Amino acid sequence: MARVTVEDCIDKVDNRFDLVLLAGHRARQISQGGQITVDRDNDKNPVVALREIADETLSPGDLKEDLIHSLQKHVEVDEPEAEASEQVERDEIAAPVVELGAEEGDQVSFDRMSEEDLLAGIEGLVPPEKSDDF
């Protein structure tokens, strides 16, 4: 039975901490029924995982990507930009356009307000009265 040491694997994976993470992930895969790529020789799963990394039967890059994928809880899906811009255009068409300060019967635009109109509206607000209920 051949023994695997960290020195056998460290030239394949530069960082010892990454090596521990990758070997642990691979050992979990083996315990869940993953196919091994080297002879077991009555070794336990962590030793088999280290031997696979040392013999380069598995790519450390592939193991790292698989580890990252297994830890992700939410996977973002990139949607094409064209669909998003079309949706915005449809929303703008469907929204009623009305201008502020118009008389009855005229259309008023609620999404267009000047800075002066906004400040005038804020100044017209009355602060709430303080109550001593607490």
C-alpha atoms as a PDB file:
ATOM      1  CA  MET A   1       0.000   0.000   0.000  1.00  0.00           C
ATOM      2  CA  ALA A   2       1.458   3.328  -1.072  1.00  0.00           C
ATOM      3  CA  ARG A   3       1.241   6.230   1.355  1.00  0.00           C
ATOM      4  CA  VAL A   4       0.294   9.668   0.148  1.00  0.00           C
ATOM      5  CA  THR A   5       1.840  12.697   1.716  1.00  0.00           C
ATOM      6  CA  VAL A   6       1.128  16.368   1.276  1.00  0.00           C
ATOM      7  CA  GLU A   7       4.429  16.735  -0.577  1.00  0.00           C
ATOM      8  CA  ASP A   8       3.132  14.403  -3.307  1.00  0.00           C
ATOM      9  CA  CYS A   9       0.128  16.672  -3.848  1.00  0.00           C
ATOM     10  CA  ILE A  10       1.541  20.125  -3.167  1.00  0.00           C
ATOM     11  CA  ASP A  11       3.122  20.408  -6.619  1.00  0.00           C
ATOM     12  CA  LYS A  12      -0.348  19.813  -8.149  1.00  0.00           C
ATOM     13  CA  VAL A  13      -2.177  22.251  -5.824  1.00  0.00           C
ATOM     14  CA  ASP A  14      -0.013  25.169  -4.696  1.00  0.00           C
ATOM     15  CA  ASN A  15      -1.886  26.104  -1.543  1.00  0.00           C
ATOM     16  CA  ARG A  16      -2.123  23.557   1.294  1.00  0.00           C
ATOM     17  CA  PHE A  17      -5.458  24.967   2.411  1.00  0.00           C
ATOM     18  CA  ASP A  18      -6.900  24.564  -1.095  1.00  0.00           C
ATOM     19  CA  LEU A  19      -5.554  21.018  -1.107  1.00  0.00           C
ATOM     20  CA  VAL A  20      -7.424  20.230   2.123  1.00  0.00           C
ATOM     21  CA  LEU A  21     -10.661  21.694   0.737  1.00  0.00           C
ATOM     22  CA  LEU A  22     -10.365  19.826  -2.561  1.00  0.00           C
ATOM     23  CA  ALA A  23      -9.431  16.506  -0.962  1.00  0.00           C
ATOM     24  CA  GLY A  24     -12.264  16.834   1.557  1.00  0.00           C
ATOM     25  CA  HIS A  25     -14.759  17.615  -1.188  1.00  0.00           C
ATOM     26  CA  ARG A  26     -13.542  14.671  -3.260  1.00  0.00           C
ATOM     27  CA  ALA A  27     -13.694  12.348  -0.224  1.00  0.00           C
ATOM     28  CA  ARG A  28     -17.334  13.389   0.309  1.00  0.00           C
ATOM     29  CA  GLN A  29     -18.069  12.665  -3.343  1.00  0.00           C
ATOM     30  CA  ILE A  30     -16.539   9.205  -2.984  1.00  0.00           C
ATOM     31  CA  SER A  31     -18.568   8.499   0.166  1.00  0.00           C
ATOM     32  CA  GLN A  32     -21.729   9.498  -1.724  1.00  0.00           C
ATOM     33  CA  GLY A  33     -20.986   6.940  -4.424  1.00  0.00           C
ATOM     34  CA  GLY A  34     -18.638   8.784  -6.782  1.00  0.00           C
ATOM     35  CA  GLN A  35     -16.465   6.605  -9.002  1.00  0.00           C
ATOM     36  CA  ILE A  36     -12.828   6.417  -7.917  1.00  0.00           C
ATOM     37  CA  THR A  37     -10.094   6.697 -10.527  1.00  0.00           C
ATOM     38  CA  VAL A  38      -7.287   4.855  -8.673  1.00  0.00           C
ATOM     39  CA  ASP A  39      -7.078   1.492  -6.917  1.00  0.00           C
ATOM     40  CA  ARG A  40      -8.534   1.676  -3.424  1.00  0.00           C
ATOM     41  CA  ASP A  41      -5.934  -0.675  -1.798  1.00  0.00           C
ATOM     42  CA  ASN A  42      -8.046  -0.771   1.373  1.00  0.00           C
ATOM     43  CA  ASP A  43      -7.525   3.004   1.863  1.00  0.00           C
ATOM     44  CA  LYS A  44     -10.089   5.338   3.325  1.00  0.00           C
ATOM     45  CA  ASN A  45     -11.806   7.993   1.234  1.00  0.00           C
ATOM     46  CA  PRO A  46      -9.524  10.946   2.175  1.00  0.00           C
ATOM     47  CA  VAL A  47      -6.423   8.932   1.245  1.00  0.00           C
ATOM     48  CA  VAL A  48      -8.026   7.859  -2.038  1.00  0.00           C
ATOM     49  CA  ALA A  49      -8.864  11.510  -2.756  1.00  0.00           C
ATOM     50  CA  LEU A  50      -5.272  12.578  -2.082  1.00  0.00           C
ATOM     51  CA  ARG A  51      -3.950   9.764  -4.285  1.00  0.00           C
ATOM     52  CA  GLU A  52      -6.246  10.868  -7.112  1.00  0.00           C
ATOM     53  CA  ILE A  53      -4.911  14.415  -6.824  1.00  0.00           C
ATOM     54  CA  ALA A  54      -1.278  13.227  -6.607  1.00  0.00           C
ATOM     55  CA  ASP A  55      -1.638  10.906  -9.628  1.00  0.00           C
ATOM     56  CA  GLU A  56      -3.453  13.682 -11.547  1.00  0.00           C
ATOM     57  CA  THR A  57      -6.338  11.403 -12.464  1.00  0.00           C
ATOM     58  CA  LEU A  58      -8.581  14.346 -11.565  1.00  0.00           C
ATOM     59  CA  SER A  59      -7.935  17.954 -12.491  1.00  0.00           C
ATOM     60  CA  PRO A  60      -7.605  20.243  -9.445  1.00  0.00           C
ATOM     61  CA  GLY A  61      -9.283  23.001 -11.483  1.00  0.00           C
ATOM     62  CA  ASP A  62     -12.314  20.806 -12.161  1.00  0.00           C
ATOM     63  CA  LEU A  63     -12.482  19.800  -8.497  1.00  0.00           C
ATOM     64  CA  LYS A  64     -12.315  23.438  -7.418  1.00  0.00           C
ATOM     65  CA  GLU A  65     -15.072  24.456  -9.817  1.00  0.00           C
ATOM     66  CA  ASP A  66     -17.241  21.555  -8.643  1.00  0.00           C
ATOM     67  CA  LEU A  67     -16.617  22.539  -5.010  1.00  0.00           C
ATOM     68  CA  ILE A  68     -17.641  26.135  -5.703  1.00  0.00           C
ATOM     69  CA  HIS A  69     -20.753  24.979  -7.545  1.00  0.00           C
ATOM     70  CA  SER A  70     -21.731  22.689  -4.666  1.00  0.00           C
ATOM     71  CA  LEU A  71     -21.470  25.569  -2.173  1.00  0.00           C
ATOM     72  CA  GLN A  72     -23.580  28.009  -4.183  1.00  0.00           C
ATOM     73  CA  LYS A  73     -27.076  28.518  -2.854  1.00  0.00           C
ATOM     74  CA  HIS A  74     -28.304  30.843  -5.604  1.00  0.00           C
ATOM     75  CA  VAL A  75     -27.140  30.597  -9.169  1.00  0.00           C
ATOM     76  CA  GLU A  76     -27.681  33.743 -11.233  1.00  0.00           C
ATOM     77  CA  VAL A  77     -28.893  33.276 -14.752  1.00  0.00           C
ATOM     78  CA  ASP A  78     -27.749  35.902 -17.222  1.00  0.00           C
ATOM     79  CA  GLU A  79     -30.614  37.158 -19.331  1.00  0.00           C
ATOM     80  CA  PRO A  80     -30.036  38.929 -22.614  1.00  0.00           C
ATOM     81  CA  GLU A  81     -30.071  42.721 -22.427  1.00  0.00           C
ATOM     82  CA  ALA A  82     -32.472  43.032 -25.370  1.00  0.00           C
ATOM     83  CA  GLU A  83     -35.363  41.416 -23.491  1.00  0.00           C
ATOM     84  CA  ALA A  84     -34.945  43.758 -20.530  1.00  0.00           C
ATOM     85  CA  SER A  85     -34.944  46.872 -22.717  1.00  0.00           C
ATOM     86  CA  GLU A  86     -38.032  45.654 -24.598  1.00  0.00           C
ATOM     87  CA  GLN A  87     -39.847  45.177 -21.270  1.00  0.00           C
ATOM     88  CA  VAL A  88     -38.972  48.734 -20.197  1.00  0.00           C
ATOM     89  CA  GLU A  89     -40.278  50.097 -23.507  1.00  0.00           C
ATOM     90  CA  ARG A  90     -43.536  48.149 -23.106  1.00  0.00           C
ATOM     91  CA  ASP A  91     -43.945  49.459 -19.545  1.00  0.00           C
ATOM     92  CA  GLU A  92     -43.403  53.046 -20.717  1.00  0.00           C
ATOM     93  CA  ILE A  93     -46.025  52.667 -23.436  1.00  0.00           C
ATOM     94  CA  ALA A  94     -48.576  51.186 -21.029  1.00  0.00           C
ATOM     95  CA  ALA A  95     -48.058  53.849 -18.340  1.00  0.00           C
ATOM     96  CA  PRO A  96     -50.422  56.826 -18.457  1.00  0.00           C
ATOM     97  CA  VAL A  97     -48.633  60.056 -19.240  1.00  0.00           C
ATOM     98  CA  VAL A  98     -50.091  63.120 -17.558  1.00  0.00           C
ATOM     99  CA  GLU A  99     -48.436  66.465 -16.861  1.00  0.00           C
ATOM    100  CA  LEU A 100     -48.433  68.221 -13.489  1.00  0.00           C
ATOM    101  CA  GLY A 101     -50.364  71.423 -13.105  1.00  0.00           C
ATOM    102  CA  ALA A 102     -52.800  70.552 -15.839  1.00  0.00           C
ATOM    103  CA  GLU A 103     -56.510  71.243 -15.519  1.00  0.00           C
ATOM    104  CA  GLU A 104     -59.238  68.620 -15.293  1.00  0.00           C
ATOM    105  CA  GLY A 105     -59.503  66.503 -18.384  1.00  0.00           C
ATOM    106  CA  ASP A 106     -55.836  67.036 -19.205  1.00  0.00           C
ATOM    107  CA  GLN A 107     -53.362  64.241 -18.753  1.00  0.00           C
ATOM    108  CA  VAL A 108     -50.938  64.492 -15.841  1.00  0.00           C
ATOM    109  CA  SER A 109     -47.457  62.906 -15.796  1.00  0.00           C
ATOM    110  CA  PHE A 110     -46.593  61.521 -12.394  1.00  0.00           C
ATOM    111  CA  ASP A 111     -43.122  60.366 -13.390  1.00  0.00           C
ATOM    112  CA  ARG A 112     -41.967  63.830 -14.501  1.00  0.00           C
ATOM    113  CA  MET A 113     -41.484  66.397 -11.730  1.00  0.00           C
ATOM    114  CA  SER A 114     -39.155  69.338 -11.556  1.00  0.00           C
ATOM    115  CA  GLU A 115     -36.928  69.926  -8.590  1.00  0.00           C
ATOM    116  CA  GLU A 116     -38.870  73.075  -7.671  1.00  0.00           C
ATOM    117  CA  ASP A 117     -42.176  71.160  -7.653  1.00  0.00           C
ATOM    118  CA  LEU A 118     -40.633  68.482  -5.455  1.00  0.00           C
ATOM    119  CA  LEU A 119     -39.266  71.042  -2.964  1.00  0.00           C
ATOM    120  CA  ALA A 120     -42.580  72.874  -2.884  1.00  0.00           C
ATOM    121  CA  GLY A 121     -44.360  69.610  -2.132  1.00  0.00           C
ATOM    122  CA  ILE A 122     -41.930  68.734   0.639  1.00  0.00           C
ATOM    123  CA  GLU A 123     -42.235  72.208   2.220  1.00  0.00           C
ATOM    124  CA  GLY A 124     -46.005  71.844   2.258  1.00  0.00           C
ATOM    125  CA  LEU A 125     -45.820  68.714   4.387  1.00  0.00           C
ATOM    126  CA  VAL A 126     -46.689  69.075   8.044  1.00  0.00           C
ATOM    127  CA  PRO A 127     -44.478  67.192  10.490  1.00  0.00           C
ATOM    128  CA  PRO A 128     -46.360  64.621  12.581  1.00  0.00           C
ATOM    129  CA  GLU A 129     -47.257  65.618  16.103  1.00  0.00           C
ATOM    130  CA  LYS A 130     -45.201  63.997  18.816  1.00  0.00           C
ATOM    131  CA  SER A 131     -47.184  61.932  21.242  1.00  0.00           C
ATOM    132  CA  ASP A 132     -46.142  60.931  24.730  1.00  0.00           C
ATOM    133  CA  ASP A 133     -47.850  57.506  24.586  1.00  0.00           C
ATOM    134  CA  PHE A 134     -44.617  55.632  25.113  1.00  0.00           C
END
